[in-house]
Each structure stands twice: as C-alpha cells, then as structure tokens.
PDB file of all heavy atoms in Angstrom:
ATOM      1  N   TYR A   1      17.177   5.111   5.685  1.00  0.00           N
ATOM      2  CA  TYR A   1      16.671   6.192   4.848  1.00  0.00           C
ATOM      3  C   TYR A   1      17.267   7.503   5.344  1.00  0.00           C
ATOM      4  O   TYR A   1      17.787   7.568   6.449  1.00  0.00           O
ATOM      5  CB  TYR A   1      15.132   6.235   4.868  1.00  0.00           C
ATOM      6  CG  TYR A   1      14.511   6.235   6.249  1.00  0.00           C
ATOM      7  CD1 TYR A   1      14.369   7.410   6.987  1.00  0.00           C
ATOM      8  CD2 TYR A   1      14.019   5.055   6.791  1.00  0.00           C
ATOM      9  CE1 TYR A   1      13.779   7.400   8.246  1.00  0.00           C
ATOM     10  CE2 TYR A   1      13.437   5.038   8.059  1.00  0.00           C
ATOM     11  CZ  TYR A   1      13.312   6.229   8.772  1.00  0.00           C
ATOM     12  OH  TYR A   1      12.733   6.211  10.018  1.00  0.00           O
ATOM     13  N   PRO A   2      17.205   8.563   4.543  1.00  0.00           N
ATOM     14  CA  PRO A   2      17.769   9.842   4.952  1.00  0.00           C
ATOM     15  C   PRO A   2      17.051  10.381   6.196  1.00  0.00           C
ATOM     16  O   PRO A   2      15.835  10.320   6.275  1.00  0.00           O
ATOM     17  CB  PRO A   2      17.522  10.764   3.752  1.00  0.00           C
ATOM     18  CG  PRO A   2      17.094   9.902   2.631  1.00  0.00           C
ATOM     19  CD  PRO A   2      16.606   8.625   3.214  1.00  0.00           C
ATOM     20  N   LYS A   3      17.815  10.879   7.129  1.00  0.00           N
ATOM     21  CA  LYS A   3      17.210  11.356   8.372  1.00  0.00           C
ATOM     22  C   LYS A   3      17.535  12.813   8.671  1.00  0.00           C
ATOM     23  O   LYS A   3      17.087  13.339   9.671  1.00  0.00           O
ATOM     24  CB  LYS A   3      17.652  10.457   9.528  1.00  0.00           C
ATOM     25  CG  LYS A   3      17.136   9.046   9.338  1.00  0.00           C
ATOM     26  CD  LYS A   3      17.428   8.168  10.495  1.00  0.00           C
ATOM     27  CE  LYS A   3      16.866   6.775  10.189  1.00  0.00           C
ATOM     28  NZ  LYS A   3      17.207   5.787  11.144  1.00  0.00           N
ATOM     29  N   GLU A   4      18.256  13.480   7.817  1.00  0.00           N
ATOM     30  CA  GLU A   4      18.597  14.874   8.049  1.00  0.00           C
ATOM     31  C   GLU A   4      17.616  15.813   7.339  1.00  0.00           C
ATOM     32  O   GLU A   4      16.911  15.392   6.409  1.00  0.00           O
ATOM     33  CB  GLU A   4      20.045  15.181   7.604  1.00  0.00           C
ATOM     34  CG  GLU A   4      20.316  14.972   6.126  1.00  0.00           C
ATOM     35  CD  GLU A   4      20.566  13.519   5.747  1.00  0.00           C
ATOM     36  OE1 GLU A   4      20.914  12.684   6.593  1.00  0.00           O
ATOM     37  OE2 GLU A   4      20.388  13.226   4.560  1.00  0.00           O
ATOM     38  N   ASN A   5      17.547  17.035   7.830  1.00  0.00           N
ATOM     39  CA  ASN A   5      16.737  18.093   7.218  1.00  0.00           C
ATOM     40  C   ASN A   5      15.256  17.750   7.095  1.00  0.00           C
ATOM     41  O   ASN A   5      14.595  18.154   6.146  1.00  0.00           O
ATOM     42  CB  ASN A   5      17.289  18.469   5.839  1.00  0.00           C
ATOM     43  CG  ASN A   5      18.726  18.941   5.891  1.00  0.00           C
ATOM     44  OD1 ASN A   5      19.108  19.646   6.834  1.00  0.00           O
ATOM     45  ND2 ASN A   5      19.534  18.538   4.929  1.00  0.00           N
ATOM     46  N   GLY A   6      14.738  16.965   8.012  1.00  0.00           N
ATOM     47  CA  GLY A   6      13.326  16.606   7.980  1.00  0.00           C
ATOM     48  C   GLY A   6      12.969  15.530   6.967  1.00  0.00           C
ATOM     49  O   GLY A   6      11.786  15.197   6.813  1.00  0.00           O
ATOM     50  N   LEU A   7      13.970  15.004   6.270  1.00  0.00           N
ATOM     51  CA  LEU A   7      13.682  13.969   5.274  1.00  0.00           C
ATOM     52  C   LEU A   7      13.140  12.699   5.918  1.00  0.00           C
ATOM     53  O   LEU A   7      12.438  11.927   5.269  1.00  0.00           O
ATOM     54  CB  LEU A   7      14.925  13.663   4.438  1.00  0.00           C
ATOM     55  CG  LEU A   7      15.396  14.767   3.513  1.00  0.00           C
ATOM     56  CD1 LEU A   7      16.694  14.387   2.815  1.00  0.00           C
ATOM     57  CD2 LEU A   7      14.315  15.136   2.502  1.00  0.00           C
ATOM     58  N   ASN A   8      13.451  12.468   7.183  1.00  0.00           N
ATOM     59  CA  ASN A   8      12.939  11.296   7.884  1.00  0.00           C
ATOM     60  C   ASN A   8      11.408  11.308   7.923  1.00  0.00           C
ATOM     61  O   ASN A   8      10.764  10.280   7.707  1.00  0.00           O
ATOM     62  CB  ASN A   8      13.505  11.216   9.290  1.00  0.00           C
ATOM     63  CG  ASN A   8      13.288  12.484  10.104  1.00  0.00           C
ATOM     64  OD1 ASN A   8      13.097  13.571   9.575  1.00  0.00           O
ATOM     65  ND2 ASN A   8      13.323  12.332  11.412  1.00  0.00           N
ATOM     66  N   LEU A   9      10.827  12.462   8.188  1.00  0.00           N
ATOM     67  CA  LEU A   9       9.366  12.553   8.242  1.00  0.00           C
ATOM     68  C   LEU A   9       8.742  12.449   6.853  1.00  0.00           C
ATOM     69  O   LEU A   9       7.714  11.803   6.672  1.00  0.00           O
ATOM     70  CB  LEU A   9       8.949  13.838   8.941  1.00  0.00           C
ATOM     71  CG  LEU A   9       9.339  13.959  10.402  1.00  0.00           C
ATOM     72  CD1 LEU A   9       8.976  15.319  10.944  1.00  0.00           C
ATOM     73  CD2 LEU A   9       8.730  12.859  11.234  1.00  0.00           C
ATOM     74  N   ILE A  10       9.375  13.097   5.901  1.00  0.00           N
ATOM     75  CA  ILE A  10       8.858  13.041   4.538  1.00  0.00           C
ATOM     76  C   ILE A  10       8.942  11.614   3.999  1.00  0.00           C
ATOM     77  O   ILE A  10       7.978  11.079   3.456  1.00  0.00           O
ATOM     78  CB  ILE A  10       9.640  14.013   3.617  1.00  0.00           C
ATOM     79  CG1 ILE A  10       9.395  15.468   4.064  1.00  0.00           C
ATOM     80  CG2 ILE A  10       9.269  13.803   2.149  1.00  0.00           C
ATOM     81  CD1 ILE A  10      10.332  16.463   3.417  1.00  0.00           C
ATOM     82  N   TYR A  11      10.084  10.973   4.191  1.00  0.00           N
ATOM     83  CA  TYR A  11      10.283   9.622   3.684  1.00  0.00           C
ATOM     84  C   TYR A  11       9.282   8.639   4.288  1.00  0.00           C
ATOM     85  O   TYR A  11       8.651   7.861   3.565  1.00  0.00           O
ATOM     86  CB  TYR A  11      11.716   9.144   3.971  1.00  0.00           C
ATOM     87  CG  TYR A  11      12.012   7.778   3.462  1.00  0.00           C
ATOM     88  CD1 TYR A  11      12.488   7.593   2.175  1.00  0.00           C
ATOM     89  CD2 TYR A  11      11.784   6.655   4.245  1.00  0.00           C
ATOM     90  CE1 TYR A  11      12.727   6.328   1.676  1.00  0.00           C
ATOM     91  CE2 TYR A  11      12.014   5.381   3.756  1.00  0.00           C
ATOM     92  CZ  TYR A  11      12.500   5.221   2.481  1.00  0.00           C
ATOM     93  OH  TYR A  11      12.737   3.952   1.998  1.00  0.00           O
ATOM     94  N   THR A  12       9.123   8.687   5.593  1.00  0.00           N
ATOM     95  CA  THR A  12       8.225   7.708   6.244  1.00  0.00           C
ATOM     96  C   THR A  12       6.759   7.999   5.918  1.00  0.00           C
ATOM     97  O   THR A  12       5.977   7.057   5.763  1.00  0.00           O
ATOM     98  CB  THR A  12       8.439   7.665   7.772  1.00  0.00           C
ATOM     99  OG1 THR A  12       8.391   8.988   8.322  1.00  0.00           O
ATOM    100  CG2 THR A  12       9.802   7.043   8.116  1.00  0.00           C
ATOM    101  N   THR A  13       6.414   9.245   5.759  1.00  0.00           N
ATOM    102  CA  THR A  13       5.031   9.590   5.376  1.00  0.00           C
ATOM    103  C   THR A  13       4.743   9.131   3.948  1.00  0.00           C
ATOM    104  O   THR A  13       3.687   8.535   3.687  1.00  0.00           O
ATOM    105  CB  THR A  13       4.786  11.104   5.517  1.00  0.00           C
ATOM    106  OG1 THR A  13       5.022  11.482   6.878  1.00  0.00           O
ATOM    107  CG2 THR A  13       3.385  11.473   5.107  1.00  0.00           C
ATOM    108  N   LEU A  14       5.659   9.381   3.029  1.00  0.00           N
ATOM    109  CA  LEU A  14       5.461   8.939   1.661  1.00  0.00           C
ATOM    110  C   LEU A  14       5.451   7.418   1.559  1.00  0.00           C
ATOM    111  O   LEU A  14       4.666   6.838   0.801  1.00  0.00           O
ATOM    112  CB  LEU A  14       6.561   9.505   0.748  1.00  0.00           C
ATOM    113  CG  LEU A  14       6.519  11.023   0.533  1.00  0.00           C
ATOM    114  CD1 LEU A  14       7.754  11.476  -0.248  1.00  0.00           C
ATOM    115  CD2 LEU A  14       5.256  11.430  -0.175  1.00  0.00           C
ATOM    116  N   GLY A  15       6.271   6.768   2.350  1.00  0.00           N
ATOM    117  CA  GLY A  15       6.292   5.303   2.364  1.00  0.00           C
ATOM    118  C   GLY A  15       4.978   4.734   2.847  1.00  0.00           C
ATOM    119  O   GLY A  15       4.451   3.772   2.293  1.00  0.00           O
ATOM    120  N   LEU A  16       4.432   5.349   3.894  1.00  0.00           N
ATOM    121  CA  LEU A  16       3.134   4.883   4.424  1.00  0.00           C
ATOM    122  C   LEU A  16       2.052   5.057   3.371  1.00  0.00           C
ATOM    123  O   LEU A  16       1.235   4.152   3.131  1.00  0.00           O
ATOM    124  CB  LEU A  16       2.780   5.659   5.706  1.00  0.00           C
ATOM    125  CG  LEU A  16       1.415   5.371   6.300  1.00  0.00           C
ATOM    126  CD1 LEU A  16       1.244   3.885   6.595  1.00  0.00           C
ATOM    127  CD2 LEU A  16       1.217   6.202   7.562  1.00  0.00           C
ATOM    128  N   ALA A  17       2.025   6.214   2.718  1.00  0.00           N
ATOM    129  CA  ALA A  17       1.021   6.461   1.682  1.00  0.00           C
ATOM    130  C   ALA A  17       1.181   5.441   0.532  1.00  0.00           C
ATOM    131  O   ALA A  17       0.197   4.918   0.009  1.00  0.00           O
ATOM    132  CB  ALA A  17       1.128   7.883   1.171  1.00  0.00           C
ATOM    133  N   SER A  18       2.413   5.178   0.171  1.00  0.00           N
ATOM    134  CA  SER A  18       2.689   4.225  -0.909  1.00  0.00           C
ATOM    135  C   SER A  18       2.204   2.826  -0.573  1.00  0.00           C
ATOM    136  O   SER A  18       1.550   2.160  -1.391  1.00  0.00           O
ATOM    137  CB  SER A  18       4.190   4.234  -1.208  1.00  0.00           C
ATOM    138  OG  SER A  18       4.506   3.262  -2.187  1.00  0.00           O
ATOM    139  N   GLU A  19       2.519   2.363   0.615  1.00  0.00           N
ATOM    140  CA  GLU A  19       2.105   1.009   1.032  1.00  0.00           C
ATOM    141  C   GLU A  19       0.593   0.924   1.182  1.00  0.00           C
ATOM    142  O   GLU A  19      -0.007  -0.100   0.837  1.00  0.00           O
ATOM    143  CB  GLU A  19       2.820   0.590   2.300  1.00  0.00           C
ATOM    144  CG  GLU A  19       4.310   0.404   2.135  1.00  0.00           C
ATOM    145  CD  GLU A  19       4.722  -0.616   1.094  1.00  0.00           C
ATOM    146  OE1 GLU A  19       3.923  -1.533   0.775  1.00  0.00           O
ATOM    147  OE2 GLU A  19       5.835  -0.494   0.576  1.00  0.00           O
ATOM    148  N   ALA A  20      -0.034   1.968   1.739  1.00  0.00           N
ATOM    149  CA  ALA A  20      -1.495   1.986   1.824  1.00  0.00           C
ATOM    150  C   ALA A  20      -2.103   1.897   0.419  1.00  0.00           C
ATOM    151  O   ALA A  20      -3.114   1.218   0.196  1.00  0.00           O
ATOM    152  CB  ALA A  20      -1.977   3.204   2.569  1.00  0.00           C
ATOM    153  N   GLY A  21      -1.455   2.562  -0.523  1.00  0.00           N
ATOM    154  CA  GLY A  21      -1.902   2.505  -1.909  1.00  0.00           C
ATOM    155  C   GLY A  21      -1.791   1.085  -2.487  1.00  0.00           C
ATOM    156  O   GLY A  21      -2.631   0.670  -3.274  1.00  0.00           O
ATOM    157  N   GLU A  22      -0.744   0.374  -2.105  1.00  0.00           N
ATOM    158  CA  GLU A  22      -0.588  -1.005  -2.595  1.00  0.00           C
ATOM    159  C   GLU A  22      -1.691  -1.909  -2.024  1.00  0.00           C
ATOM    160  O   GLU A  22      -2.197  -2.778  -2.734  1.00  0.00           O
ATOM    161  CB  GLU A  22       0.804  -1.521  -2.242  1.00  0.00           C
ATOM    162  CG  GLU A  22       1.877  -0.850  -3.082  1.00  0.00           C
ATOM    163  CD  GLU A  22       3.252  -1.477  -2.904  1.00  0.00           C
ATOM    164  OE1 GLU A  22       3.327  -2.718  -2.794  1.00  0.00           O
ATOM    165  OE2 GLU A  22       4.229  -0.715  -2.896  1.00  0.00           O
ATOM    166  N   VAL A  23      -2.053  -1.700  -0.760  1.00  0.00           N
ATOM    167  CA  VAL A  23      -3.173  -2.464  -0.179  1.00  0.00           C
ATOM    168  C   VAL A  23      -4.433  -2.145  -0.966  1.00  0.00           C
ATOM    169  O   VAL A  23      -5.189  -3.048  -1.346  1.00  0.00           O
ATOM    170  CB  VAL A  23      -3.359  -2.125   1.318  1.00  0.00           C
ATOM    171  CG1 VAL A  23      -4.634  -2.772   1.852  1.00  0.00           C
ATOM    172  CG2 VAL A  23      -2.144  -2.574   2.139  1.00  0.00           C
ATOM    173  N   THR A  24      -4.657  -0.865  -1.214  1.00  0.00           N
ATOM    174  CA  THR A  24      -5.837  -0.416  -1.939  1.00  0.00           C
ATOM    175  C   THR A  24      -5.893  -1.006  -3.328  1.00  0.00           C
ATOM    176  O   THR A  24      -6.941  -1.474  -3.795  1.00  0.00           O
ATOM    177  CB  THR A  24      -5.859   1.115  -2.007  1.00  0.00           C
ATOM    178  OG1 THR A  24      -5.792   1.641  -0.692  1.00  0.00           O
ATOM    179  CG2 THR A  24      -7.083   1.655  -2.703  1.00  0.00           C
ATOM    180  N   ASP A  25      -4.747  -1.032  -4.011  1.00  0.00           N
ATOM    181  CA  ASP A  25      -4.696  -1.564  -5.370  1.00  0.00           C
ATOM    182  C   ASP A  25      -5.032  -3.049  -5.399  1.00  0.00           C
ATOM    183  O   ASP A  25      -5.774  -3.513  -6.284  1.00  0.00           O
ATOM    184  CB  ASP A  25      -3.308  -1.325  -5.975  1.00  0.00           C
ATOM    185  CG  ASP A  25      -3.273  -1.669  -7.442  1.00  0.00           C
ATOM    186  OD1 ASP A  25      -4.086  -1.124  -8.211  1.00  0.00           O
ATOM    187  OD2 ASP A  25      -2.419  -2.494  -7.837  1.00  0.00           O
ATOM    188  N   LYS A  26      -4.517  -3.790  -4.435  1.00  0.00           N
ATOM    189  CA  LYS A  26      -4.830  -5.219  -4.379  1.00  0.00           C
ATOM    190  C   LYS A  26      -6.323  -5.450  -4.123  1.00  0.00           C
ATOM    191  O   LYS A  26      -6.933  -6.323  -4.725  1.00  0.00           O
ATOM    192  CB  LYS A  26      -3.975  -5.920  -3.333  1.00  0.00           C
ATOM    193  CG  LYS A  26      -2.525  -6.052  -3.756  1.00  0.00           C
ATOM    194  CD  LYS A  26      -1.772  -7.021  -2.912  1.00  0.00           C
ATOM    195  CE  LYS A  26      -0.315  -7.116  -3.323  1.00  0.00           C
ATOM    196  NZ  LYS A  26      -0.063  -7.378  -4.719  1.00  0.00           N
ATOM    197  N   MET A  27      -6.896  -4.660  -3.241  1.00  0.00           N
ATOM    198  CA  MET A  27      -8.346  -4.789  -2.982  1.00  0.00           C
ATOM    199  C   MET A  27      -9.159  -4.422  -4.207  1.00  0.00           C
ATOM    200  O   MET A  27     -10.173  -5.067  -4.491  1.00  0.00           O
ATOM    201  CB  MET A  27      -8.739  -3.937  -1.773  1.00  0.00           C
ATOM    202  CG  MET A  27      -8.218  -4.463  -0.445  1.00  0.00           C
ATOM    203  SD  MET A  27      -8.778  -6.150  -0.094  1.00  0.00           S
ATOM    204  CE  MET A  27     -10.521  -5.879   0.091  1.00  0.00           C
ATOM    205  N   LYS A  28      -8.723  -3.414  -4.930  1.00  0.00           N
ATOM    206  CA  LYS A  28      -9.413  -3.046  -6.177  1.00  0.00           C
ATOM    207  C   LYS A  28      -9.424  -4.200  -7.145  1.00  0.00           C
ATOM    208  O   LYS A  28     -10.454  -4.520  -7.758  1.00  0.00           O
ATOM    209  CB  LYS A  28      -8.723  -1.828  -6.809  1.00  0.00           C
ATOM    210  CG  LYS A  28      -9.265  -1.434  -8.163  1.00  0.00           C
ATOM    211  CD  LYS A  28      -8.326  -0.517  -8.891  1.00  0.00           C
ATOM    212  CE  LYS A  28      -7.151  -1.312  -9.391  1.00  0.00           C
ATOM    213  NZ  LYS A  28      -6.183  -0.613 -10.184  1.00  0.00           N
ATOM    214  N   LYS A  29      -8.291  -4.907  -7.248  1.00  0.00           N
ATOM    215  CA  LYS A  29      -8.197  -6.044  -8.169  1.00  0.00           C
ATOM    216  C   LYS A  29      -9.027  -7.223  -7.670  1.00  0.00           C
ATOM    217  O   LYS A  29      -9.528  -8.004  -8.500  1.00  0.00           O
ATOM    218  CB  LYS A  29      -6.741  -6.419  -8.348  1.00  0.00           C
ATOM    219  CG  LYS A  29      -6.010  -5.347  -9.176  1.00  0.00           C
ATOM    220  CD  LYS A  29      -4.534  -5.618  -9.317  1.00  0.00           C
ATOM    221  CE  LYS A  29      -3.897  -4.482 -10.109  1.00  0.00           C
ATOM    222  NZ  LYS A  29      -2.448  -4.579 -10.161  1.00  0.00           N
ATOM    223  N   VAL A  30      -9.169  -7.369  -6.355  1.00  0.00           N
ATOM    224  CA  VAL A  30     -10.056  -8.395  -5.833  1.00  0.00           C
ATOM    225  C   VAL A  30     -11.482  -8.155  -6.311  1.00  0.00           C
ATOM    226  O   VAL A  30     -12.174  -9.075  -6.744  1.00  0.00           O
ATOM    227  CB  VAL A  30      -9.999  -8.442  -4.279  1.00  0.00           C
ATOM    228  CG1 VAL A  30     -11.167  -9.207  -3.708  1.00  0.00           C
ATOM    229  CG2 VAL A  30      -8.679  -9.032  -3.804  1.00  0.00           C
ATOM    230  N   ILE A  31     -11.896  -6.902  -6.272  1.00  0.00           N
ATOM    231  CA  ILE A  31     -13.249  -6.559  -6.724  1.00  0.00           C
ATOM    232  C   ILE A  31     -13.375  -6.761  -8.227  1.00  0.00           C
ATOM    233  O   ILE A  31     -14.316  -7.387  -8.711  1.00  0.00           O
ATOM    234  CB  ILE A  31     -13.589  -5.096  -6.337  1.00  0.00           C
ATOM    235  CG1 ILE A  31     -13.719  -4.997  -4.815  1.00  0.00           C
ATOM    236  CG2 ILE A  31     -14.866  -4.625  -7.025  1.00  0.00           C
ATOM    237  CD1 ILE A  31     -13.756  -3.578  -4.280  1.00  0.00           C
ATOM    238  N   ARG A  32     -12.396  -6.247  -8.978  1.00  0.00           N
ATOM    239  CA  ARG A  32     -12.466  -6.330 -10.444  1.00  0.00           C
ATOM    240  C   ARG A  32     -12.309  -7.748 -10.973  1.00  0.00           C
ATOM    241  O   ARG A  32     -13.058  -8.160 -11.855  1.00  0.00           O
ATOM    242  CB  ARG A  32     -11.371  -5.430 -11.047  1.00  0.00           C
ATOM    243  CG  ARG A  32     -11.383  -5.381 -12.568  1.00  0.00           C
ATOM    244  CD  ARG A  32     -10.179  -4.701 -13.138  1.00  0.00           C
ATOM    245  NE  ARG A  32      -8.983  -5.521 -12.871  1.00  0.00           N
ATOM    246  CZ  ARG A  32      -7.753  -5.042 -12.917  1.00  0.00           C
ATOM    247  NH1 ARG A  32      -7.522  -3.783 -13.194  1.00  0.00           N
ATOM    248  NH2 ARG A  32      -6.726  -5.844 -12.683  1.00  0.00           N
ATOM    249  N   ASP A  33     -11.342  -8.482 -10.441  1.00  0.00           N
ATOM    250  CA  ASP A  33     -10.966  -9.753 -11.056  1.00  0.00           C
ATOM    251  C   ASP A  33     -11.509 -10.984 -10.346  1.00  0.00           C
ATOM    252  O   ASP A  33     -11.566 -12.048 -10.926  1.00  0.00           O
ATOM    253  CB  ASP A  33      -9.433  -9.895 -11.104  1.00  0.00           C
ATOM    254  CG  ASP A  33      -8.789  -8.778 -11.917  1.00  0.00           C
ATOM    255  OD1 ASP A  33      -9.460  -8.181 -12.780  1.00  0.00           O
ATOM    256  OD2 ASP A  33      -7.600  -8.497 -11.682  1.00  0.00           O
ATOM    257  N   LYS A  34     -11.906 -10.835  -9.073  1.00  0.00           N
ATOM    258  CA  LYS A  34     -12.294 -12.016  -8.301  1.00  0.00           C
ATOM    259  C   LYS A  34     -13.677 -11.890  -7.679  1.00  0.00           C
ATOM    260  O   LYS A  34     -14.011 -12.639  -6.761  1.00  0.00           O
ATOM    261  CB  LYS A  34     -11.243 -12.295  -7.214  1.00  0.00           C
ATOM    262  CG  LYS A  34      -9.864 -12.563  -7.795  1.00  0.00           C
ATOM    263  CD  LYS A  34      -8.841 -12.806  -6.710  1.00  0.00           C
ATOM    264  CE  LYS A  34      -7.476 -12.959  -7.317  1.00  0.00           C
ATOM    265  NZ  LYS A  34      -6.986 -14.328  -7.253  1.00  0.00           N
ATOM    266  N   GLY A  35     -14.456 -10.922  -8.156  1.00  0.00           N
ATOM    267  CA  GLY A  35     -15.801 -10.753  -7.651  1.00  0.00           C
ATOM    268  C   GLY A  35     -15.874 -10.451  -6.160  1.00  0.00           C
ATOM    269  O   GLY A  35     -16.857 -10.770  -5.500  1.00  0.00           O
ATOM    270  N   GLY A  36     -14.811  -9.845  -5.634  1.00  0.00           N
ATOM    271  CA  GLY A  36     -14.797  -9.486  -4.214  1.00  0.00           C
ATOM    272  C   GLY A  36     -14.417 -10.613  -3.269  1.00  0.00           C
ATOM    273  O   GLY A  36     -14.448 -10.444  -2.059  1.00  0.00           O
ATOM    274  N   ILE A  37     -14.018 -11.747  -3.836  1.00  0.00           N
ATOM    275  CA  ILE A  37     -13.660 -12.890  -3.010  1.00  0.00           C
ATOM    276  C   ILE A  37     -12.156 -12.917  -2.769  1.00  0.00           C
ATOM    277  O   ILE A  37     -11.363 -12.892  -3.713  1.00  0.00           O
ATOM    278  CB  ILE A  37     -14.123 -14.203  -3.659  1.00  0.00           C
ATOM    279  CG1 ILE A  37     -15.649 -14.200  -3.772  1.00  0.00           C
ATOM    280  CG2 ILE A  37     -13.619 -15.413  -2.872  1.00  0.00           C
ATOM    281  CD1 ILE A  37     -16.230 -15.301  -4.590  1.00  0.00           C
ATOM    282  N   ILE A  38     -11.777 -12.968  -1.488  1.00  0.00           N
ATOM    283  CA  ILE A  38     -10.374 -13.000  -1.115  1.00  0.00           C
ATOM    284  C   ILE A  38      -9.978 -14.437  -0.807  1.00  0.00           C
ATOM    285  O   ILE A  38     -10.398 -15.013   0.172  1.00  0.00           O
ATOM    286  CB  ILE A  38     -10.111 -12.088   0.114  1.00  0.00           C
ATOM    287  CG1 ILE A  38     -10.479 -10.642  -0.230  1.00  0.00           C
ATOM    288  CG2 ILE A  38      -8.660 -12.193   0.568  1.00  0.00           C
ATOM    289  CD1 ILE A  38     -10.442  -9.701   0.947  1.00  0.00           C
ATOM    290  N   ASP A  39      -9.167 -15.010  -1.704  1.00  0.00           N
ATOM    291  CA  ASP A  39      -8.690 -16.378  -1.481  1.00  0.00           C
ATOM    292  C   ASP A  39      -7.447 -16.375  -0.596  1.00  0.00           C
ATOM    293  O   ASP A  39      -6.928 -15.320  -0.213  1.00  0.00           O
ATOM    294  CB  ASP A  39      -8.457 -17.083  -2.808  1.00  0.00           C
ATOM    295  CG  ASP A  39      -7.401 -16.417  -3.670  1.00  0.00           C
ATOM    296  OD1 ASP A  39      -6.541 -15.656  -3.150  1.00  0.00           O
ATOM    297  OD2 ASP A  39      -7.420 -16.664  -4.893  1.00  0.00           O
ATOM    298  N   ALA A  40      -6.951 -17.560  -0.275  1.00  0.00           N
ATOM    299  CA  ALA A  40      -5.804 -17.686   0.627  1.00  0.00           C
ATOM    300  C   ALA A  40      -4.579 -16.984   0.078  1.00  0.00           C
ATOM    301  O   ALA A  40      -3.829 -16.335   0.831  1.00  0.00           O
ATOM    302  CB  ALA A  40      -5.497 -19.161   0.882  1.00  0.00           C
ATOM    303  N   GLY A  41      -4.339 -17.099  -1.215  1.00  0.00           N
ATOM    304  CA  GLY A  41      -3.187 -16.425  -1.830  1.00  0.00           C
ATOM    305  C   GLY A  41      -3.266 -14.920  -1.725  1.00  0.00           C
ATOM    306  O   GLY A  41      -2.278 -14.242  -1.413  1.00  0.00           O
ATOM    307  N   MET A  42      -4.460 -14.376  -1.982  1.00  0.00           N
ATOM    308  CA  MET A  42      -4.633 -12.926  -1.891  1.00  0.00           C
ATOM    309  C   MET A  42      -4.524 -12.457  -0.448  1.00  0.00           C
ATOM    310  O   MET A  42      -3.968 -11.397  -0.164  1.00  0.00           O
ATOM    311  CB  MET A  42      -5.961 -12.483  -2.508  1.00  0.00           C
ATOM    312  CG  MET A  42      -6.187 -10.986  -2.458  1.00  0.00           C
ATOM    313  SD  MET A  42      -4.849  -9.989  -3.192  1.00  0.00           S
ATOM    314  CE  MET A  42      -5.042 -10.354  -4.910  1.00  0.00           C
ATOM    315  N   LYS A  43      -5.043 -13.249   0.478  1.00  0.00           N
ATOM    316  CA  LYS A  43      -4.944 -12.910   1.887  1.00  0.00           C
ATOM    317  C   LYS A  43      -3.470 -12.779   2.291  1.00  0.00           C
ATOM    318  O   LYS A  43      -3.072 -11.879   3.003  1.00  0.00           O
ATOM    319  CB  LYS A  43      -5.656 -13.922   2.762  1.00  0.00           C
ATOM    320  CG  LYS A  43      -5.736 -13.527   4.222  1.00  0.00           C
ATOM    321  CD  LYS A  43      -6.421 -14.577   5.061  1.00  0.00           C
ATOM    322  CE  LYS A  43      -7.918 -14.411   4.964  1.00  0.00           C
ATOM    323  NZ  LYS A  43      -8.648 -15.258   5.930  1.00  0.00           N
TER     324      LYS A  43
END
C-alpha cells in the first residue's frame, strides 16, 4: 500500500475500520437471518 505522505497511516486505519465493519455486518445478518445462532460456516 502507499507509504509516503502519511498515506500508510490513513490506509491502515481505513482498512481496519472497513474490516471491523465487515465483522459487524456478518453479525448483523446472524441476528436478522439466523436468530442469533452462529453455525460452523458463519464461524
């Protein structure tokens, strides 16, 4: 990823937020679609 001009910090921070959002989205769907039950595939 770009590492000049402070882009390294911006990139890694945005990436972390994005991935945390993906975890959150999957958990939201567990609640909505699976009644809060996490099966082996979702795990």
